[in-house]
Protein backbone atom coordinates (compact mmCIF):
# COMPACT_ATOMS: atom_id res chain seq x y z
CA MET A 1 0.00 0.00 0.00
CA GLN A 2 2.85 2.34 0.75
CA GLU A 3 4.30 1.81 -2.72
CA ASN A 4 0.91 2.54 -4.22
CA SER A 5 0.70 5.76 -2.21
CA LEU A 6 4.18 6.78 -3.34
CA SER A 7 3.28 6.09 -6.96
CA LEU A 8 0.11 8.13 -6.60
CA LEU A 9 2.03 10.97 -4.94
CA GLU A 10 4.69 10.85 -7.65
CA GLU A 11 2.00 10.97 -10.33
CA LYS A 12 0.32 13.95 -8.67
CA VAL A 13 3.62 15.81 -8.27
CA LEU A 14 4.54 15.19 -11.90
CA HIS A 15 1.09 16.36 -12.96
CA ALA A 16 1.48 19.50 -10.80
CA VAL A 17 4.95 20.20 -12.25
CA GLN A 18 3.59 19.86 -15.79
CA ARG A 19 0.67 22.15 -14.95
CA ILE A 20 3.06 24.74 -13.50
CA GLN A 21 5.17 24.60 -16.66
CA ASP A 22 2.07 24.97 -18.81
CA LEU A 23 0.89 27.95 -16.76
CA LYS A 24 4.31 29.60 -16.97
CA ALA A 25 4.28 29.23 -20.75
CA GLU A 26 0.73 30.59 -20.93
CA ASN A 27 1.71 33.47 -18.66
CA GLU A 28 4.58 34.39 -21.00
CA VAL A 29 2.24 34.38 -24.00
CA LEU A 30 -0.17 36.61 -22.08
CA ARG A 31 2.67 38.99 -21.11
CA GLN A 32 3.68 39.33 -24.74
CA ALA A 33 0.08 39.91 -25.81
CA ARG A 34 -0.32 42.52 -23.07
CA SER A 35 2.86 44.27 -24.17
CA GLU A 36 1.64 44.38 -27.77
CA MET A 37 -1.74 45.71 -26.66
CA GLU A 38 -0.09 48.39 -24.52
CA GLY A 39 1.89 49.46 -27.58
CA GLN A 40 -1.28 49.59 -29.66
CA LEU A 41 -3.05 51.54 -26.94
CA SER A 42 -0.23 54.06 -26.81
CA MET A 43 -0.34 54.45 -30.58
CA LEU A 44 -4.13 54.89 -30.52
CA ARG A 45 -3.86 57.50 -27.75
CA ASP A 46 -1.31 59.42 -29.82
CA GLN A 47 -3.60 59.25 -32.86
CA TYR A 48 -6.57 60.37 -30.76
CA GLU A 49 -4.65 63.33 -29.35
CA SER A 50 -3.47 64.29 -32.83
CA ALA A 51 -7.03 64.06 -34.15
CA GLN A 52 -8.26 66.20 -31.24
CA ARG A 53 -5.65 68.86 -32.06
CA ASP A 54 -6.62 68.76 -35.74
CA LEU A 55 -10.29 69.04 -34.80
CA ASN A 56 -9.65 72.01 -32.52
CA GLU A 57 -7.65 73.74 -35.26
CA ALA A 58 -10.42 73.05 -37.78
CA ARG A 59 -13.02 74.45 -35.38
CA GLY A 60 -10.91 77.57 -34.95
CA ARG A 61 -10.59 77.99 -38.72
CA ALA A 62 -14.32 77.42 -39.15
CA ALA A 63 -15.10 80.06 -36.53
CA ALA A 64 -12.71 82.50 -38.24
CA ALA A 65 -14.29 81.75 -41.63
CA GLU A 66 -17.75 82.30 -40.18
CA GLN A 67 -16.64 85.63 -38.74
CA LEU A 68 -15.20 86.65 -42.10
CA GLU A 69 -18.44 85.66 -43.81
CA ASP A 70 -20.44 87.72 -41.31
CA ASN A 71 -18.15 90.69 -41.96
CA ARG A 72 -18.51 90.23 -45.73
CA ARG A 73 -22.31 90.27 -45.43
CA ILE A 74 -22.23 93.43 -43.30
CA ILE A 75 -19.91 95.17 -45.78
CA GLU A 76 -22.05 94.04 -48.71
CA GLU A 77 -25.20 95.39 -47.04
CA LYS A 78 -23.52 98.72 -46.23
CA VAL A 79 -22.09 99.07 -49.74
CA GLY A 80 -25.50 98.21 -51.21
CA GLY A 81 -27.14 100.83 -48.99
CA LEU A 82 -24.54 103.44 -49.96
CA LEU A 83 -24.99 102.64 -53.65
CA ASP A 84 -28.74 103.02 -53.26
CA LYS A 85 -28.18 106.44 -51.66
CA LEU A 86 -25.86 107.43 -54.52
CA ASP A 87 -28.43 106.30 -57.07
CA ALA A 88 -31.08 108.34 -55.27
CA ILE A 89 -28.90 111.48 -55.55
CA GLU A 90 -28.54 111.29 -59.31
């Protein structure tokens, strides 16, 4: 019976050692995958920040263009009014 117990213990220890080796290998694969994902995340954050800067610049240009358009309309209305006054004088 003692020999049977030792064989069973040996089998369980060998199984545990194999499982530990498998888990270590799996852990290394997961570490590499995590590292790759962290790199991708960093790249995506950089792209997001760049896109945000581009968007803010575009919004600023759009606001400036809108202001210029408003000024153009005001000038056009004033010039039209002045031309009407000149036409009325003649």
